[in-house]
C-alpha atoms as a PDB file:
ATOM      1  CA  MET A   1      15.937  12.652 -19.933  1.00  0.00           C
ATOM      2  CA  LYS A   2      13.823  14.643 -17.457  1.00  0.00           C
ATOM      3  CA  ASN A   3      13.537  13.165 -13.979  1.00  0.00           C
ATOM      4  CA  ILE A   4       9.982  12.054 -13.167  1.00  0.00           C
ATOM      5  CA  TYR A   5       9.183  10.805  -9.697  1.00  0.00           C
ATOM      6  CA  TYR A   6       6.303   8.832  -8.270  1.00  0.00           C
ATOM      7  CA  ASP A   7       3.258  10.746  -7.021  1.00  0.00           C
ATOM      8  CA  GLY A   8       0.717   8.873  -4.884  1.00  0.00           C
ATOM      9  CA  THR A   9      -1.850  11.672  -4.793  1.00  0.00           C
ATOM     10  CA  LYS A  10      -4.251   9.933  -7.176  1.00  0.00           C
ATOM     11  CA  LEU A  11      -4.071   6.630  -5.310  1.00  0.00           C
ATOM     12  CA  LEU A  12      -4.852   8.384  -2.035  1.00  0.00           C
ATOM     13  CA  SER A  13      -7.865  10.110  -3.621  1.00  0.00           C
ATOM     14  CA  LEU A  14      -9.542   6.907  -4.829  1.00  0.00           C
ATOM     15  CA  LYS A  15     -12.657   5.323  -3.354  1.00  0.00           C
ATOM     16  CA  ASP A  16     -13.115   1.555  -3.251  1.00  0.00           C
ATOM     17  CA  GLN A  17     -15.557  -0.424  -5.414  1.00  0.00           C
ATOM     18  CA  ASN A  18     -18.405   0.542  -3.066  1.00  0.00           C
ATOM     19  CA  GLY A  19     -17.643   4.259  -3.226  1.00  0.00           C
ATOM     20  CA  LEU A  20     -16.273   4.190   0.329  1.00  0.00           C
ATOM     21  CA  THR A  21     -12.949   5.382   1.710  1.00  0.00           C
ATOM     22  CA  PRO A  22     -10.543   2.416   1.537  1.00  0.00           C
ATOM     23  CA  SER A  23      -8.658   1.149   4.548  1.00  0.00           C
ATOM     24  CA  ILE A  24      -5.822  -0.273   2.443  1.00  0.00           C
ATOM     25  CA  TYR A  25      -3.860   1.534  -0.282  1.00  0.00           C
ATOM     26  CA  ILE A  26      -1.450  -0.618  -2.308  1.00  0.00           C
ATOM     27  CA  SER A  27       1.203   0.855  -4.595  1.00  0.00           C
ATOM     28  CA  THR A  28       3.478  -1.279  -6.766  1.00  0.00           C
ATOM     29  CA  SER A  29       5.924  -0.328  -9.517  1.00  0.00           C
ATOM     30  CA  ASN A  30       9.414  -0.917 -10.842  1.00  0.00           C
ATOM     31  CA  ARG A  31      12.310  -0.304  -8.459  1.00  0.00           C
ATOM     32  CA  SER A  32      13.577   3.207  -7.685  1.00  0.00           C
ATOM     33  CA  ALA A  33      10.382   4.860  -8.891  1.00  0.00           C
ATOM     34  CA  GLY A  34      10.039   6.817  -5.646  1.00  0.00           C
ATOM     35  CA  LYS A  35       7.120   5.114  -3.838  1.00  0.00           C
ATOM     36  CA  THR A  36       8.902   4.849  -0.504  1.00  0.00           C
ATOM     37  CA  THR A  37      10.128   8.436  -0.647  1.00  0.00           C
ATOM     38  CA  PHE A  38       6.664   9.815  -1.430  1.00  0.00           C
ATOM     39  CA  PHE A  39       4.808   7.936   1.292  1.00  0.00           C
ATOM     40  CA  SER A  40       7.546   8.360   3.940  1.00  0.00           C
ATOM     41  CA  ARG A  41       7.376  12.117   3.396  1.00  0.00           C
ATOM     42  CA  TYR A  42       3.571  11.920   3.532  1.00  0.00           C
ATOM     43  CA  LEU A  43       3.664  10.227   6.958  1.00  0.00           C
ATOM     44  CA  VAL A  44       6.074  12.765   8.417  1.00  0.00           C
ATOM     45  CA  ASN A  45       4.131  15.726   7.023  1.00  0.00           C
ATOM     46  CA  ARG A  46       0.858  14.411   8.474  1.00  0.00           C
ATOM     47  CA  TRP A  47       2.570  14.100  11.846  1.00  0.00           C
ATOM     48  CA  LYS A  48       4.092  17.590  11.653  1.00  0.00           C
ATOM     49  CA  ARG A  49       0.880  19.310  10.558  1.00  0.00           C
ATOM     50  CA  HIS A  50      -1.772  17.309  12.378  1.00  0.00           C
ATOM     51  CA  GLY A  51       0.048  15.384  15.102  1.00  0.00           C
ATOM     52  CA  GLU A  52      -0.946  12.048  13.527  1.00  0.00           C
ATOM     53  CA  LYS A  53       1.455   9.371  14.696  1.00  0.00           C
ATOM     54  CA  PHE A  54       2.384   6.531  12.359  1.00  0.00           C
ATOM     55  CA  ILE A  55       3.525   2.931  12.500  1.00  0.00           C
ATOM     56  CA  LEU A  56       6.284   1.418  10.390  1.00  0.00           C
ATOM     57  CA  LEU A  57       5.524  -2.245   9.853  1.00  0.00           C
ATOM     58  CA  TYR A  58       8.272  -4.749   9.099  1.00  0.00           C
ATOM     59  CA  ARG A  59       8.166  -8.522   8.663  1.00  0.00           C
ATOM     60  CA  PHE A  60      10.731  -9.711  11.224  1.00  0.00           C
ATOM     61  CA  ASN A  61      11.931  -8.297  14.519  1.00  0.00           C
ATOM     62  CA  TYR A  62      15.580  -7.976  13.469  1.00  0.00           C
ATOM     63  CA  GLU A  63      14.478  -5.401  10.877  1.00  0.00           C
ATOM     64  CA  LEU A  64      13.597  -2.953  13.656  1.00  0.00           C
ATOM     65  CA  ALA A  65      17.281  -2.174  14.174  1.00  0.00           C
ATOM     66  CA  ASP A  66      18.419   1.124  12.654  1.00  0.00           C
ATOM     67  CA  VAL A  67      14.902   2.192  11.617  1.00  0.00           C
ATOM     68  CA  PRO A  68      15.814   5.916  11.803  1.00  0.00           C
ATOM     69  CA  ASP A  69      18.489   5.423   9.157  1.00  0.00           C
ATOM     70  CA  LYS A  70      16.367   3.166   6.968  1.00  0.00           C
ATOM     71  CA  PHE A  71      13.273   5.336   7.100  1.00  0.00           C
ATOM     72  CA  PHE A  72      14.435   8.902   7.683  1.00  0.00           C
ATOM     73  CA  LYS A  73      17.969   9.363   6.361  1.00  0.00           C
ATOM     74  CA  GLU A  74      17.060   9.970   2.710  1.00  0.00           C
ATOM     75  CA  ILE A  75      13.908  12.027   3.230  1.00  0.00           C
ATOM     76  CA  ARG A  76      15.724  14.120   5.848  1.00  0.00           C
ATOM     77  CA  SER A  77      18.317  15.201   3.294  1.00  0.00           C
ATOM     78  CA  LEU A  78      15.622  15.915   0.702  1.00  0.00           C
ATOM     79  CA  PHE A  79      12.776  17.463   2.699  1.00  0.00           C
ATOM     80  CA  PHE A  80      13.511  17.772   6.420  1.00  0.00           C
ATOM     81  CA  PRO A  81      16.921  19.390   7.040  1.00  0.00           C
ATOM     82  CA  GLY A  82      17.352  20.252  10.675  1.00  0.00           C
ATOM     83  CA  TYR A  83      15.281  17.284  11.846  1.00  0.00           C
ATOM     84  CA  GLU A  84      16.639  14.126  13.453  1.00  0.00           C
ATOM     85  CA  MET A  85      14.933  10.782  14.052  1.00  0.00           C
ATOM     86  CA  THR A  86      15.891   8.525  16.939  1.00  0.00           C
ATOM     87  CA  SER A  87      14.414   5.335  18.352  1.00  0.00           C
ATOM     88  CA  LYS A  88      14.130   3.513  21.688  1.00  0.00           C
ATOM     89  CA  ALA A  89      13.579  -0.234  21.967  1.00  0.00           C
ATOM     90  CA  ARG A  90      10.779  -1.156  24.365  1.00  0.00           C
ATOM     91  CA  ALA A  91       9.435  -4.403  25.877  1.00  0.00           C
ATOM     92  CA  LYS A  92      12.726  -6.198  25.195  1.00  0.00           C
ATOM     93  CA  GLY A  93      12.687  -5.069  21.590  1.00  0.00           C
ATOM     94  CA  ILE A  94       9.138  -6.158  20.716  1.00  0.00           C
ATOM     95  CA  TYR A  95       8.469  -2.629  19.505  1.00  0.00           C
ATOM     96  CA  HIS A  96      10.474   0.576  19.054  1.00  0.00           C
ATOM     97  CA  GLU A  97       9.357   4.109  19.828  1.00  0.00           C
ATOM     98  CA  LEU A  98      10.247   6.632  17.127  1.00  0.00           C
ATOM     99  CA  TYR A  99      11.093  10.255  17.849  1.00  0.00           C
ATOM    100  CA  ILE A 100      11.674  13.264  15.607  1.00  0.00           C
ATOM    101  CA  ASN A 101      13.548  16.043  17.375  1.00  0.00           C
ATOM    102  CA  GLU A 102      12.812  14.229  20.650  1.00  0.00           C
ATOM    103  CA  LYS A 103       9.033  14.210  20.098  1.00  0.00           C
ATOM    104  CA  LEU A 104       7.234  10.874  19.821  1.00  0.00           C
ATOM    105  CA  CYS A 105       6.042  10.458  16.221  1.00  0.00           C
ATOM    106  CA  GLY A 106       5.247   6.751  16.063  1.00  0.00           C
ATOM    107  CA  TYR A 107       6.386   3.166  16.417  1.00  0.00           C
ATOM    108  CA  ALA A 108       8.186   0.420  14.536  1.00  0.00           C
ATOM    109  CA  ILE A 109       6.780  -3.106  14.887  1.00  0.00           C
ATOM    110  CA  SER A 110       7.089  -6.485  13.197  1.00  0.00           C
ATOM    111  CA  LEU A 111       4.505  -8.922  11.847  1.00  0.00           C
ATOM    112  CA  ASN A 112       6.185 -11.885  13.436  1.00  0.00           C
ATOM    113  CA  ALA A 113       5.555 -10.373  16.876  1.00  0.00           C
ATOM    114  CA  ALA A 114       1.783 -10.228  16.294  1.00  0.00           C
ATOM    115  CA  ASP A 115       0.914 -12.234  19.414  1.00  0.00           C
ATOM    116  CA  GLN A 116       3.134 -10.201  21.741  1.00  0.00           C
ATOM    117  CA  LEU A 117       1.874  -6.908  20.320  1.00  0.00           C
ATOM    118  CA  LYS A 118      -1.660  -7.614  21.516  1.00  0.00           C
ATOM    119  CA  LYS A 119      -0.475  -6.708  25.042  1.00  0.00           C
ATOM    120  CA  TYR A 120       0.642  -3.270  23.882  1.00  0.00           C
ATOM    121  CA  SER A 121      -2.253  -2.377  21.567  1.00  0.00           C
ATOM    122  CA  HIS A 122      -3.293   0.509  23.850  1.00  0.00           C
ATOM    123  CA  LEU A 123      -0.058   2.300  23.000  1.00  0.00           C
ATOM    124  CA  PHE A 124      -1.001   2.493  19.346  1.00  0.00           C
ATOM    125  CA  SER A 125      -4.507   3.914  19.848  1.00  0.00           C
ATOM    126  CA  ASP A 126      -3.505   7.371  18.587  1.00  0.00           C
ATOM    127  CA  CYS A 127      -1.679   6.160  15.453  1.00  0.00           C
ATOM    128  CA  ALA A 128      -3.444   7.207  12.270  1.00  0.00           C
ATOM    129  CA  ARG A 129      -1.665   5.187   9.626  1.00  0.00           C
ATOM    130  CA  ILE A 130       0.585   2.224   8.939  1.00  0.00           C
ATOM    131  CA  LEU A 131       3.310   1.956   6.303  1.00  0.00           C
ATOM    132  CA  PHE A 132       4.295  -1.543   5.204  1.00  0.00           C
ATOM    133  CA  ASP A 133       7.128  -1.231   2.700  1.00  0.00           C
ATOM    134  CA  GLU A 134       8.291  -4.234   0.642  1.00  0.00           C
ATOM    135  CA  PHE A 135       5.238  -6.324   1.488  1.00  0.00           C
ATOM    136  CA  GLN A 136       6.306  -8.718  -1.290  1.00  0.00           C
ATOM    137  CA  SER A 137       9.438 -10.719  -0.557  1.00  0.00           C
ATOM    138  CA  GLU A 138      11.914 -11.149  -3.406  1.00  0.00           C
ATOM    139  CA  ASN A 139      13.163 -14.441  -1.939  1.00  0.00           C
ATOM    140  CA  ASP A 140       9.686 -15.726  -0.976  1.00  0.00           C
ATOM    141  CA  HIS A 141      10.581 -15.470   2.722  1.00  0.00           C
ATOM    142  CA  TYR A 142       7.320 -14.765   4.535  1.00  0.00           C
ATOM    143  CA  CYS A 143       6.246 -15.294   8.135  1.00  0.00           C
ATOM    144  CA  PRO A 144       4.430 -18.530   8.916  1.00  0.00           C
ATOM    145  CA  ASN A 145       0.713 -17.727   8.596  1.00  0.00           C
ATOM    146  CA  GLU A 146       1.622 -14.232   7.436  1.00  0.00           C
ATOM    147  CA  ILE A 147      -1.858 -13.053   6.465  1.00  0.00           C
ATOM    148  CA  GLN A 148      -3.266 -14.083   9.848  1.00  0.00           C
ATOM    149  CA  LYS A 149      -0.457 -12.190  11.585  1.00  0.00           C
ATOM    150  CA  PHE A 150      -1.041  -9.173   9.352  1.00  0.00           C
ATOM    151  CA  LEU A 151      -4.742  -9.115  10.256  1.00  0.00           C
ATOM    152  CA  SER A 152      -3.918  -9.600  13.938  1.00  0.00           C
ATOM    153  CA  VAL A 153      -1.586  -6.592  13.891  1.00  0.00           C
ATOM    154  CA  LEU A 154      -4.165  -4.416  12.122  1.00  0.00           C
ATOM    155  CA  THR A 155      -6.816  -5.465  14.646  1.00  0.00           C
ATOM    156  CA  SER A 156      -4.539  -4.591  17.564  1.00  0.00           C
ATOM    157  CA  ILE A 157      -3.765  -1.152  16.139  1.00  0.00           C
ATOM    158  CA  ALA A 158      -7.392  -0.352  15.275  1.00  0.00           C
ATOM    159  CA  ARG A 159      -8.501  -0.702  18.908  1.00  0.00           C
ATOM    160  CA  GLY A 160      -8.978   2.166  21.339  1.00  0.00           C
ATOM    161  CA  GLY A 161      -9.436   5.862  20.864  1.00  0.00           C
ATOM    162  CA  GLY A 162     -12.910   5.581  22.395  1.00  0.00           C
ATOM    163  CA  GLU A 163     -14.066   3.198  19.665  1.00  0.00           C
ATOM    164  CA  GLN A 164     -14.245  -0.569  19.398  1.00  0.00           C
ATOM    165  CA  VAL A 165     -12.875  -0.355  15.861  1.00  0.00           C
ATOM    166  CA  ARG A 166     -11.401   2.867  14.532  1.00  0.00           C
ATOM    167  CA  TYR A 167     -10.263   3.812  11.044  1.00  0.00           C
ATOM    168  CA  VAL A 168      -6.540   3.344  10.361  1.00  0.00           C
ATOM    169  CA  GLN A 169      -5.049   4.033   6.945  1.00  0.00           C
ATOM    170  CA  VAL A 170      -2.811   1.179   5.758  1.00  0.00           C
ATOM    171  CA  ILE A 171      -0.282   1.878   2.990  1.00  0.00           C
ATOM    172  CA  MET A 172       1.462  -1.091   1.380  1.00  0.00           C
ATOM    173  CA  LEU A 173       4.369  -0.673  -1.030  1.00  0.00           C
ATOM    174  CA  SER A 174       6.257  -3.141  -3.185  1.00  0.00           C
ATOM    175  CA  ASN A 175       8.142  -3.719  -6.375  1.00  0.00           C
ATOM    176  CA  LEU A 176       6.699  -6.141  -8.932  1.00  0.00           C
ATOM    177  CA  VAL A 177       7.730  -9.483  -7.447  1.00  0.00           C
ATOM    178  CA  SER A 178       5.124 -12.246  -7.758  1.00  0.00           C
ATOM    179  CA  LEU A 179       1.491 -12.539  -8.756  1.00  0.00           C
ATOM    180  CA  LEU A 180       1.233 -15.408  -6.277  1.00  0.00           C
ATOM    181  CA  ASN A 181       2.363 -13.441  -3.228  1.00  0.00           C
ATOM    182  CA  PRO A 182       0.106 -14.112  -0.199  1.00  0.00           C
ATOM    183  CA  TYR A 183      -1.446 -10.622  -0.209  1.00  0.00           C
ATOM    184  CA  TYR A 184      -2.582 -10.747  -3.853  1.00  0.00           C
ATOM    185  CA  VAL A 185      -3.972 -14.219  -3.261  1.00  0.00           C
ATOM    186  CA  ALA A 186      -5.858 -13.160  -0.120  1.00  0.00           C
ATOM    187  CA  LEU A 187      -7.282 -10.069  -1.857  1.00  0.00           C
ATOM    188  CA  GLY A 188      -8.195 -12.029  -4.990  1.00  0.00           C
ATOM    189  CA  VAL A 189      -6.246  -9.854  -7.450  1.00  0.00           C
ATOM    190  CA  SER A 190      -3.709 -12.379  -8.809  1.00  0.00           C
ATOM    191  CA  ASP A 191      -5.846 -13.203 -11.837  1.00  0.00           C
ATOM    192  CA  LYS A 192      -6.889  -9.588 -12.475  1.00  0.00           C
ATOM    193  CA  LEU A 193      -3.461  -8.116 -13.159  1.00  0.00           C
ATOM    194  CA  ASP A 194      -1.732  -7.804 -16.505  1.00  0.00           C
ATOM    195  CA  ASN A 195       0.684  -5.344 -18.142  1.00  0.00           C
ATOM    196  CA  LYS A 196      -2.118  -2.861 -18.850  1.00  0.00           C
ATOM    197  CA  THR A 197      -3.586  -2.751 -15.335  1.00  0.00           C
ATOM    198  CA  LYS A 198      -3.113   0.615 -13.636  1.00  0.00           C
ATOM    199  CA  PHE A 199      -5.708   0.696 -10.859  1.00  0.00           C
ATOM    200  CA  ILE A 200      -7.945  -1.843  -9.144  1.00  0.00           C
ATOM    201  CA  ARG A 201     -10.759  -0.907  -6.793  1.00  0.00           C
ATOM    202  CA  GLY A 202     -11.608  -3.720  -4.400  1.00  0.00           C
ATOM    203  CA  ASP A 203     -13.823  -4.085  -1.353  1.00  0.00           C
ATOM    204  CA  GLY A 204     -12.051  -1.973   1.277  1.00  0.00           C
ATOM    205  CA  PHE A 205      -8.867  -1.498  -0.752  1.00  0.00           C
ATOM    206  CA  VAL A 206      -7.483   0.216  -3.841  1.00  0.00           C
ATOM    207  CA  MET A 207      -4.390  -0.818  -5.740  1.00  0.00           C
ATOM    208  CA  GLU A 208      -2.067   0.904  -8.183  1.00  0.00           C
ATOM    209  CA  GLN A 209       0.315  -0.842 -10.568  1.00  0.00           C
ATOM    210  CA  GLY A 210       2.685   1.780 -11.874  1.00  0.00           C
ATOM    211  CA  PHE A 211       5.775   1.897 -14.041  1.00  0.00           C
ATOM    212  CA  LEU A 212       8.140   4.830 -14.603  1.00  0.00           C
ATOM    213  CA  ASP A 213       9.798   4.561 -17.998  1.00  0.00           C
ATOM    214  CA  SER A 214      12.325   7.287 -17.156  1.00  0.00           C
ATOM    215  CA  VAL A 215      13.685   5.217 -14.251  1.00  0.00           C
ATOM    216  CA  ALA A 216      13.863   2.075 -16.386  1.00  0.00           C
ATOM    217  CA  GLU A 217      15.745   3.886 -19.157  1.00  0.00           C
ATOM    218  CA  LYS A 218      18.319   5.301 -16.759  1.00  0.00           C
ATOM    219  CA  GLN A 219      18.856   1.872 -15.247  1.00  0.00           C
ATOM    220  CA  LYS A 220      19.411   0.401 -18.720  1.00  0.00           C
ATOM    221  CA  GLN A 221      22.113   2.995 -19.351  1.00  0.00           C
ATOM    222  CA  SER A 222      24.040   2.172 -16.181  1.00  0.00           C
ATOM    223  CA  GLY A 223      27.251   0.177 -16.306  1.00  0.00           C
ATOM    224  CA  ILE A 224      25.879  -2.408 -13.875  1.00  0.00           C
ATOM    225  CA  PHE A 225      22.895  -3.150 -16.095  1.00  0.00           C
ATOM    226  CA  ARG A 226      25.025  -3.377 -19.231  1.00  0.00           C
ATOM    227  CA  ALA A 227      27.506  -5.685 -17.509  1.00  0.00           C
ATOM    228  CA  PHE A 228      24.717  -8.080 -16.469  1.00  0.00           C
ATOM    229  CA  ALA A 229      22.375  -7.444 -19.382  1.00  0.00           C
ATOM    230  CA  GLY A 230      21.341 -11.097 -19.702  1.00  0.00           C
ATOM    231  CA  ASN A 231      20.270 -11.551 -16.089  1.00  0.00           C
ATOM    232  CA  ASP A 232      16.549 -11.924 -15.364  1.00  0.00           C
ATOM    233  CA  TYR A 233      16.821  -9.561 -12.394  1.00  0.00           C
ATOM    234  CA  ASN A 234      17.566  -6.706 -14.768  1.00  0.00           C
ATOM    235  CA  LYS A 235      14.310  -7.379 -16.605  1.00  0.00           C
ATOM    236  CA  TYR A 236      12.527  -7.050 -13.287  1.00  0.00           C
ATOM    237  CA  THR A 237      13.965  -3.563 -12.752  1.00  0.00           C
ATOM    238  CA  THR A 238      13.524  -2.280 -16.304  1.00  0.00           C
ATOM    239  CA  GLU A 239      10.415  -4.010 -17.673  1.00  0.00           C
ATOM    240  CA  LYS A 240       6.849  -4.275 -16.391  1.00  0.00           C
ATOM    241  CA  ILE A 241       7.127  -7.905 -15.377  1.00  0.00           C
ATOM    242  CA  TYR A 242       7.037  -9.753 -12.064  1.00  0.00           C
ATOM    243  CA  LEU A 243      10.441 -10.957 -10.848  1.00  0.00           C
ATOM    244  CA  ASN A 244       9.364 -14.378  -9.613  1.00  0.00           C
ATOM    245  CA  ASP A 245       6.853 -15.153 -12.359  1.00  0.00           C
ATOM    246  CA  ASN A 246       8.877 -14.539 -15.522  1.00  0.00           C
ATOM    247  CA  TYR A 247       5.509 -13.930 -17.160  1.00  0.00           C
ATOM    248  CA  THR A 248       3.538 -16.860 -18.375  1.00  0.00           C
ATOM    249  CA  PHE A 249       2.181 -17.151 -21.911  1.00  0.00           C
ATOM    250  CA  ILE A 250      -1.042 -17.985 -23.687  1.00  0.00           C
ATOM    251  CA  GLU A 251      -0.381 -20.142 -26.751  1.00  0.00           C
ATOM    252  CA  ASN A 252      -1.181 -23.422 -28.501  1.00  0.00           C
ATOM    253  CA  MET A 253       0.954 -26.460 -27.768  1.00  0.00           C
ATOM    254  CA  THR A 254       1.333 -29.555 -29.919  1.00  0.00           C
ATOM    255  CA  GLY A 255       3.517 -32.644 -29.791  1.00  0.00           C
ATOM    256  CA  LYS A 256       4.257 -35.523 -27.482  1.00  0.00           C
ATOM    257  CA  ASN A 257       2.945 -34.970 -23.976  1.00  0.00           C
ATOM    258  CA  ASN A 258       2.135 -36.681 -20.688  1.00  0.00           C
ATOM    259  CA  TYR A 259      -1.200 -36.138 -18.967  1.00  0.00           C
ATOM    260  CA  LEU A 260      -0.643 -35.057 -15.339  1.00  0.00           C
ATOM    261  CA  VAL A 261      -3.942 -34.104 -13.724  1.00  0.00           C
ATOM    262  CA  THR A 262      -7.519 -32.940 -14.159  1.00  0.00           C
ATOM    263  CA  PHE A 263      -8.694 -30.223 -11.802  1.00  0.00           C
ATOM    264  CA  LYS A 264     -12.028 -28.492 -11.358  1.00  0.00           C
ATOM    265  CA  ILE A 265     -12.671 -24.892 -10.305  1.00  0.00           C
ATOM    266  CA  GLY A 266     -16.029 -23.134 -10.314  1.00  0.00           C
ATOM    267  CA  GLY A 267     -17.713 -26.082 -12.011  1.00  0.00           C
ATOM    268  CA  THR A 268     -15.257 -26.093 -14.950  1.00  0.00           C
ATOM    269  CA  SER A 269     -12.673 -28.828 -15.510  1.00  0.00           C
ATOM    270  CA  TYR A 270      -9.147 -28.195 -16.782  1.00  0.00           C
ATOM    271  CA  ALA A 271      -6.319 -30.466 -17.901  1.00  0.00           C
ATOM    272  CA  ILE A 272      -2.598 -30.125 -17.192  1.00  0.00           C
ATOM    273  CA  ARG A 273      -0.063 -31.829 -19.431  1.00  0.00           C
ATOM    274  CA  GLU A 274       3.709 -31.986 -19.549  1.00  0.00           C
ATOM    275  CA  TYR A 275       5.598 -31.525 -22.816  1.00  0.00           C
ATOM    276  CA  PRO A 276       8.920 -33.082 -21.773  1.00  0.00           C
ATOM    277  CA  GLU A 277      10.840 -32.279 -24.954  1.00  0.00           C
ATOM    278  CA  LYS A 278       9.988 -28.589 -24.568  1.00  0.00           C
ATOM    279  CA  GLY A 279      10.224 -28.444 -20.781  1.00  0.00           C
ATOM    280  CA  ILE A 280       6.722 -26.976 -20.640  1.00  0.00           C
ATOM    281  CA  ILE A 281       3.691 -27.579 -18.420  1.00  0.00           C
ATOM    282  CA  TYR A 282       0.478 -26.750 -20.270  1.00  0.00           C
ATOM    283  CA  CYS A 283      -3.118 -26.111 -19.220  1.00  0.00           C
ATOM    284  CA  ASP A 284      -6.105 -26.435 -21.533  1.00  0.00           C
ATOM    285  CA  GLN A 285      -9.645 -27.813 -21.405  1.00  0.00           C
ATOM    286  CA  ARG A 286      -9.108 -31.046 -23.385  1.00  0.00           C
ATOM    287  CA  ILE A 287     -10.028 -33.396 -20.551  1.00  0.00           C
ATOM    288  CA  ASP A 288      -9.044 -37.065 -20.455  1.00  0.00           C
ATOM    289  CA  GLU A 289     -12.123 -38.550 -18.784  1.00  0.00           C
ATOM    290  CA  THR A 290     -10.271 -41.800 -18.067  1.00  0.00           C
ATOM    291  CA  TYR A 291      -7.336 -40.290 -16.164  1.00  0.00           C
ATOM    292  CA  PRO A 292      -7.592 -41.139 -12.447  1.00  0.00           C
ATOM    293  CA  VAL A 293      -5.893 -38.090 -10.849  1.00  0.00           C
ATOM    294  CA  ARG A 294      -8.609 -35.458 -10.396  1.00  0.00           C
ATOM    295  CA  LEU A 295      -8.508 -32.541  -7.977  1.00  0.00           C
ATOM    296  CA  VAL A 296     -10.963 -29.988  -6.634  1.00  0.00           C
ATOM    297  CA  ILE A 297     -10.292 -26.836  -4.608  1.00  0.00           C
ATOM    298  CA  ASP A 298     -13.460 -26.665  -2.557  1.00  0.00           C
ATOM    299  CA  ALA A 299     -16.405 -28.850  -1.616  1.00  0.00           C
ATOM    300  CA  ASP A 300     -18.762 -27.151  -4.076  1.00  0.00           C
ATOM    301  CA  ASP A 301     -16.885 -28.812  -6.948  1.00  0.00           C
ATOM    302  CA  MET A 302     -16.680 -32.249  -5.348  1.00  0.00           C
ATOM    303  CA  ASP A 303     -17.698 -35.043  -7.710  1.00  0.00           C
ATOM    304  CA  VAL A 304     -17.238 -38.792  -8.168  1.00  0.00           C
ATOM    305  CA  ASN A 305     -13.534 -39.772  -8.330  1.00  0.00           C
ATOM    306  CA  TYR A 306     -12.291 -36.287  -7.378  1.00  0.00           C
ATOM    307  CA  ILE A 307     -10.126 -35.568  -4.326  1.00  0.00           C
ATOM    308  CA  THR A 308      -9.269 -32.289  -2.598  1.00  0.00           C
ATOM    309  CA  ILE A 309      -5.960 -30.561  -3.242  1.00  0.00           C
ATOM    310  CA  LYS A 310      -4.823 -31.235   0.334  1.00  0.00           C
ATOM    311  CA  ASN A 311      -4.388 -34.883  -0.636  1.00  0.00           C
ATOM    312  CA  ASN A 312      -1.913 -34.137  -3.430  1.00  0.00           C
ATOM    313  CA  SER A 313       0.410 -31.420  -2.151  1.00  0.00           C
ATOM    314  CA  TYR A 314       3.479 -33.025  -3.766  1.00  0.00           C
ATOM    315  CA  LEU A 315       2.051 -32.627  -7.271  1.00  0.00           C
ATOM    316  CA  LEU A 316       0.959 -29.056  -6.604  1.00  0.00           C
ATOM    317  CA  ASN A 317       4.357 -28.051  -5.240  1.00  0.00           C
ATOM    318  CA  ASN A 318       5.966 -29.395  -8.417  1.00  0.00           C
ATOM    319  CA  LEU A 319       3.514 -27.431 -10.572  1.00  0.00           C
ATOM    320  CA  LYS A 320       4.271 -24.274  -8.616  1.00  0.00           C
ATOM    321  CA  TRP A 321       7.998 -24.830  -9.182  1.00  0.00           C
ATOM    322  CA  PHE A 322       7.438 -24.945 -12.959  1.00  0.00           C
ATOM    323  CA  PHE A 323       5.278 -21.816 -12.786  1.00  0.00           C
ATOM    324  CA  GLU A 324       7.865 -19.803 -10.860  1.00  0.00           C
ATOM    325  CA  HIS A 325      10.552 -20.849 -13.345  1.00  0.00           C
ATOM    326  CA  GLY A 326       8.572 -19.584 -16.320  1.00  0.00           C
ATOM    327  CA  SER A 327       7.671 -23.018 -17.690  1.00  0.00           C
ATOM    328  CA  PHE A 328       3.853 -22.774 -17.712  1.00  0.00           C
ATOM    329  CA  ARG A 329       1.790 -22.086 -20.846  1.00  0.00           C
ATOM    330  CA  PHE A 330      -1.976 -21.697 -21.208  1.00  0.00           C
ATOM    331  CA  LYS A 331      -4.558 -22.304 -23.900  1.00  0.00           C
ATOM    332  CA  ASN A 332      -6.498 -19.173 -22.995  1.00  0.00           C
ATOM    333  CA  LEU A 333      -7.073 -16.620 -20.262  1.00  0.00           C
ATOM    334  CA  ALA A 334      -9.601 -18.838 -18.476  1.00  0.00           C
ATOM    335  CA  CYS A 335      -6.965 -21.569 -18.150  1.00  0.00           C
ATOM    336  CA  LYS A 336      -4.421 -19.043 -16.906  1.00  0.00           C
ATOM    337  CA  ASN A 337      -6.775 -17.744 -14.229  1.00  0.00           C
ATOM    338  CA  ALA A 338      -7.700 -21.280 -13.149  1.00  0.00           C
ATOM    339  CA  VAL A 339      -4.029 -22.195 -12.655  1.00  0.00           C
ATOM    340  CA  PHE A 340      -3.469 -19.040 -10.576  1.00  0.00           C
ATOM    341  CA  LYS A 341      -6.279 -20.096  -8.273  1.00  0.00           C
ATOM    342  CA  LEU A 342      -5.012 -23.675  -8.087  1.00  0.00           C
ATOM    343  CA  LEU A 343      -1.395 -22.761  -7.326  1.00  0.00           C
ATOM    344  CA  SER A 344      -2.308 -20.056  -4.840  1.00  0.00           C
ATOM    345  CA  LEU A 345      -3.621 -22.791  -2.549  1.00  0.00           C
ATOM    346  CA  SER A 346      -0.670 -25.144  -2.848  1.00  0.00           C
END
């Protein structure tokens, strides 16, 4: 089978939903498709040709160790023979300077150091772009208040250069991990993605959901895959599904069930039931008007006998557990989307 590698040229050419140049470019696909290689090469080439420094963004400070090996080792052997990347830790390791052939090309920083980085924002005023690889965590290990820290870091970097706010290109890469990851939730795309989605144009961002069949087929042929053929992780690497969601289903459910909760979103009420014999949690719109547990997400939906979700976090955490273990089913797409919105706030 012919080798086909990822090409981000189309993503980089897209305008957002308003016809404007996006600030954020998001690329997701199955593992080993070549996203990291393409965009790492892109950053280095922009620096070589135009002197545009870049920032490598990681989640935690300990990840800043050995950045030259993690970022440059592979692309050096493929595209940049004769070049060497080195790094120097600064400010007691809060950030690292990156050098290629002893010339400063950029910095490595971490989200969790967002507060400390404010003091050094002037250093980043000539950086043109940010690469945040693996923005989705496979083990659901995110920073506390991660989105706030992400926005704080972007704000710090976009200062200076003679402008109060300057344009910085942000590139975010990930495998298909979870539709409920904090970035999808914050951008409002969790309920817009399915197997057929290829591109989404949002307000200030564009997103690509790719899948390389050639990579998946080669992985299926490997001895490791065949040895662990029944493991869900292998489906994540060889099928267009999200690792931590195990894909939920739209179907009809019948049989003995227990009514758990009524919740309202956007003026519409939904019911959640448990089918204990099948191990399934189900959402439809057959409301039990007499059931006392009723939730709303925001004040606009507040009604008599309803409470906000903040007052029932235990129930919502249990529902999220069932969702992430593939035990949710839905009457229709509206019910599916409503549950995404409900669980994204739990």
